[in-house]
């Protein structure tokens, strides 16, 4: 079985080691490197002698020196194929929205269960994304302040709208599969079509664009 290579950038040693120990128990996930600063992680990626490049980067936003938020574009430049999952303690709405805009594909709070973190790693590698429910609430709150105008050029099927709405609530593909009584591969296909139609690369961007286009209604996700 091919393992998913993961890099972790986290400045709190105890949390970093806790996640490292948890990932060691996963047969299909391998933590290949871990760093306390973005600078050290970036230097590692720039080292041409390093053959095992990470496929997923677990990135804290609040790092000493270059913050995780500031580092996202640099990581994309060094390793365009890497999928970045933000792991944050911050409840700052601007930070979350900025991370979305910068291109992170996963948004999880550090309080997320380990199972959600590992499932998120698998999700982003299969073309999906992970959107923490609290992060989704931040996005909805922001969007309520934005005038909606229906974009007639974007045509999603009713099932795609259902899947997108559940993504906006922070559900994982397996949870969407259970809720809609369809298979996980079918959910993955719907997600891929949604991304193609909306011309986005991750769930947060898809949800944001759908609300701004008037396809989804932020009021549906209150409470």
Protein backbone atom coordinates (compact mmCIF):
# COMPACT_ATOMS: atom_id res chain seq x y z
CA UNK A 1 0.00 0.00 0.00
CA UNK A 2 1.37 3.40 -0.99
CA UNK A 3 1.50 5.78 1.95
CA UNK A 4 0.45 9.42 1.78
CA UNK A 5 3.52 11.51 2.62
CA UNK A 6 2.79 14.25 5.15
CA UNK A 7 4.79 17.22 6.43
CA UNK A 8 3.73 18.96 9.65
CA UNK A 9 4.59 22.57 10.46
CA UNK A 10 3.63 23.25 14.08
CA UNK A 11 5.53 25.17 16.75
CA UNK A 12 3.98 23.54 19.83
CA UNK A 13 6.09 20.40 20.53
CA UNK A 14 3.44 18.55 22.53
CA UNK A 15 0.73 18.94 19.91
CA UNK A 16 3.20 18.16 17.11
CA UNK A 17 4.34 14.96 18.82
CA UNK A 18 0.76 13.96 19.64
CA UNK A 19 -0.24 14.17 15.98
CA UNK A 20 2.97 12.38 14.97
CA UNK A 21 2.20 9.46 17.30
CA UNK A 22 -1.36 9.26 15.99
CA UNK A 23 -0.23 9.22 12.35
CA UNK A 24 2.19 6.37 13.08
CA UNK A 25 -0.85 4.17 13.69
CA UNK A 26 -2.21 4.82 10.19
CA UNK A 27 -0.97 2.27 7.63
CA UNK A 28 -1.62 4.55 4.66
CA UNK A 29 -0.20 7.79 6.07
CA UNK A 30 3.48 8.53 6.73
CA UNK A 31 4.72 11.64 8.53
CA UNK A 32 7.96 12.19 6.63
CA UNK A 33 8.99 15.48 8.26
CA UNK A 34 7.98 17.92 11.00
CA UNK A 35 9.14 21.45 11.71
CA UNK A 36 8.52 24.19 14.24
CA UNK A 37 8.78 27.07 11.76
CA UNK A 38 7.75 27.74 8.18
CA UNK A 39 11.28 28.91 7.35
CA UNK A 40 12.80 25.53 8.25
CA UNK A 41 10.08 23.67 6.36
CA UNK A 42 10.63 25.80 3.25
CA UNK A 43 14.40 25.28 3.37
CA UNK A 44 13.75 21.54 3.59
CA UNK A 45 11.56 21.66 0.47
CA UNK A 46 14.19 23.66 -1.40
CA UNK A 47 16.84 21.03 -0.65
CA UNK A 48 17.23 19.18 -3.95
CA UNK A 49 18.72 16.15 -2.18
CA UNK A 50 15.36 15.47 -0.55
CA UNK A 51 13.56 12.89 -2.69
CA UNK A 52 10.53 12.28 -0.48
CA UNK A 53 8.50 15.42 -1.07
CA UNK A 54 5.31 15.69 1.01
CA UNK A 55 1.96 15.33 -0.67
CA UNK A 56 0.07 16.95 2.21
CA UNK A 57 1.22 19.78 4.50
CA UNK A 58 -0.42 20.18 7.92
CA UNK A 59 0.13 23.87 8.65
CA UNK A 60 -0.45 25.91 11.79
CA UNK A 61 -1.46 29.52 11.10
CA UNK A 62 0.17 31.06 14.17
CA UNK A 63 3.87 30.34 13.73
CA UNK A 64 6.89 32.33 14.91
CA UNK A 65 8.65 34.25 12.17
CA UNK A 66 6.75 33.77 8.90
CA UNK A 67 3.19 32.90 9.87
CA UNK A 68 1.42 29.94 8.35
CA UNK A 69 -0.86 32.32 6.48
CA UNK A 70 2.09 34.19 4.98
CA UNK A 71 3.79 30.89 4.15
CA UNK A 72 0.99 29.37 2.06
CA UNK A 73 2.05 31.07 -1.22
CA UNK A 74 5.69 30.09 -0.60
CA UNK A 75 4.71 26.45 -0.08
CA UNK A 76 2.71 26.55 -3.32
CA UNK A 77 5.74 27.98 -5.14
CA UNK A 78 8.12 25.36 -3.72
CA UNK A 79 5.73 22.46 -4.18
CA UNK A 80 2.70 23.29 -6.35
CA UNK A 81 1.27 19.78 -6.04
CA UNK A 82 1.13 19.82 -2.22
CA UNK A 83 -2.28 19.89 -0.56
CA UNK A 84 -2.29 22.27 2.42
CA UNK A 85 -4.51 21.58 5.41
CA UNK A 86 -4.60 24.36 7.97
CA UNK A 87 -4.72 23.24 11.62
CA UNK A 88 -5.50 26.26 13.74
CA UNK A 89 -6.53 27.31 17.20
CA UNK A 90 -7.37 30.79 15.99
CA UNK A 91 -10.98 31.89 15.96
CA UNK A 92 -10.10 34.85 13.77
CA UNK A 93 -12.52 35.01 10.87
CA UNK A 94 -10.14 37.14 8.72
CA UNK A 95 -7.43 34.48 9.11
CA UNK A 96 -9.76 31.73 7.95
CA UNK A 97 -11.01 33.68 4.94
CA UNK A 98 -7.45 34.67 4.03
CA UNK A 99 -6.33 31.03 4.21
CA UNK A 100 -9.17 30.08 1.85
CA UNK A 101 -8.14 32.79 -0.58
CA UNK A 102 -4.50 31.72 -0.39
CA UNK A 103 -5.41 28.21 -1.54
CA UNK A 104 -5.48 25.92 1.49
CA UNK A 105 -7.72 22.91 0.79
CA UNK A 106 -8.45 21.90 4.38
CA UNK A 107 -9.50 23.96 7.40
CA UNK A 108 -9.56 22.22 10.76
CA UNK A 109 -9.45 23.40 14.33
CA UNK A 110 -6.85 21.82 16.60
CA UNK A 111 -9.72 20.55 18.70
CA UNK A 112 -10.77 18.32 15.79
CA UNK A 113 -10.74 14.57 16.57
CA UNK A 114 -7.70 12.69 15.28
CA UNK A 115 -10.03 10.63 13.10
CA UNK A 116 -11.17 13.80 11.35
CA UNK A 117 -7.59 14.89 10.74
CA UNK A 118 -6.58 11.54 9.22
CA UNK A 119 -9.76 11.36 7.16
CA UNK A 120 -9.09 14.89 5.92
CA UNK A 121 -5.63 13.85 4.72
CA UNK A 122 -7.21 11.03 2.73
CA UNK A 123 -9.95 13.30 1.43
CA UNK A 124 -7.64 15.92 -0.04
CA UNK A 125 -5.57 13.23 -1.73
CA UNK A 126 -8.69 11.85 -3.42
CA UNK A 127 -9.67 15.25 -4.77
CA UNK A 128 -11.94 16.27 -1.92
CA UNK A 129 -11.47 18.72 0.90
CA UNK A 130 -12.02 19.11 4.62
CA UNK A 131 -14.03 22.00 5.94
CA UNK A 132 -14.46 22.19 9.69
CA UNK A 133 -18.03 22.99 10.70
CA UNK A 134 -16.92 26.02 12.73
CA UNK A 135 -14.91 27.29 9.78
CA UNK A 136 -18.00 26.92 7.62
CA UNK A 137 -19.91 29.08 10.08
CA UNK A 138 -17.28 31.80 9.73
CA UNK A 139 -17.72 31.75 5.97
CA UNK A 140 -21.50 31.88 6.24
CA UNK A 141 -21.33 34.85 8.62
CA UNK A 142 -19.13 36.72 6.17
CA UNK A 143 -21.31 35.88 3.21
CA UNK A 144 -24.45 37.19 4.89
CA UNK A 145 -22.90 40.64 4.57
CA UNK A 146 -22.39 40.17 0.83
CA UNK A 147 -25.24 40.98 -1.60
CA UNK A 148 -26.25 37.88 -3.55
CA UNK A 149 -26.88 37.92 -7.27
CA UNK A 150 -27.89 34.76 -9.08
CA UNK A 151 -25.34 33.72 -11.69
CA UNK A 152 -27.32 32.10 -14.50
CA UNK A 153 -24.14 30.78 -16.14
CA UNK A 154 -23.45 28.36 -13.27
CA UNK A 155 -25.74 25.34 -13.58
CA UNK A 156 -25.57 22.74 -10.81
CA UNK A 157 -27.88 19.75 -10.65
CA UNK A 158 -30.16 19.36 -7.63
CA UNK A 159 -27.97 16.55 -6.31
CA UNK A 160 -24.83 18.67 -6.73
CA UNK A 161 -26.51 21.47 -4.79
CA UNK A 162 -27.36 19.00 -2.02
CA UNK A 163 -23.77 17.76 -1.87
CA UNK A 164 -22.40 21.31 -1.90
CA UNK A 165 -24.77 22.36 0.87
CA UNK A 166 -23.54 19.49 3.05
CA UNK A 167 -19.93 20.39 2.28
CA UNK A 168 -20.79 23.86 3.50
CA UNK A 169 -21.91 22.37 6.80
CA UNK A 170 -18.50 20.76 7.24
CA UNK A 171 -19.50 17.17 6.46
CA UNK A 172 -16.92 14.71 5.15
CA UNK A 173 -17.55 12.59 2.06
CA UNK A 174 -18.46 9.54 4.13
CA UNK A 175 -20.96 11.59 6.13
CA UNK A 176 -22.47 12.99 2.92
CA UNK A 177 -22.65 9.45 1.57
CA UNK A 178 -24.59 8.31 4.64
CA UNK A 179 -26.87 11.36 4.64
CA UNK A 180 -27.81 11.07 0.95
CA UNK A 181 -27.69 7.25 0.78
CA UNK A 182 -25.22 7.24 -2.10
CA UNK A 183 -21.76 5.69 -2.36
CA UNK A 184 -18.57 7.54 -1.41
CA UNK A 185 -17.23 7.31 -5.02
CA UNK A 186 -20.51 8.88 -6.21
CA UNK A 187 -20.05 11.71 -3.71
CA UNK A 188 -16.47 12.17 -4.97
CA UNK A 189 -17.75 12.36 -8.56
CA UNK A 190 -20.32 15.01 -7.62
CA UNK A 191 -17.64 17.02 -5.79
CA UNK A 192 -15.34 16.86 -8.80
CA UNK A 193 -18.12 18.07 -11.11
CA UNK A 194 -18.97 20.89 -8.69
CA UNK A 195 -15.35 22.05 -8.67
CA UNK A 196 -15.23 21.94 -12.47
CA UNK A 197 -18.46 23.90 -12.91
CA UNK A 198 -17.51 26.52 -10.34
CA UNK A 199 -13.87 26.60 -11.51
CA UNK A 200 -12.48 26.17 -7.99
CA UNK A 201 -10.01 23.81 -6.34
CA UNK A 202 -11.41 23.18 -2.88
CA UNK A 203 -14.58 22.92 -0.83
CA UNK A 204 -14.30 26.26 0.92
CA UNK A 205 -13.86 28.11 -2.36
CA UNK A 206 -16.79 26.15 -3.87
CA UNK A 207 -19.10 26.99 -0.97
CA UNK A 208 -18.06 30.64 -0.98
CA UNK A 209 -18.56 31.02 -4.73
CA UNK A 210 -21.90 29.21 -4.63
CA UNK A 211 -23.27 31.55 -1.98
CA UNK A 212 -22.00 34.64 -3.76
CA UNK A 213 -23.55 33.36 -6.98
CA UNK A 214 -26.89 32.92 -5.22
CA UNK A 215 -26.91 29.14 -5.69
CA UNK A 216 -26.98 28.50 -1.94
CA UNK A 217 -28.62 30.52 0.82
CA UNK A 218 -26.52 31.34 3.94
CA UNK A 219 -29.67 31.45 6.05
CA UNK A 220 -30.09 27.70 5.54
CA UNK A 221 -27.10 27.06 7.78
CA UNK A 222 -28.03 29.11 10.82
CA UNK A 223 -27.82 27.46 14.23
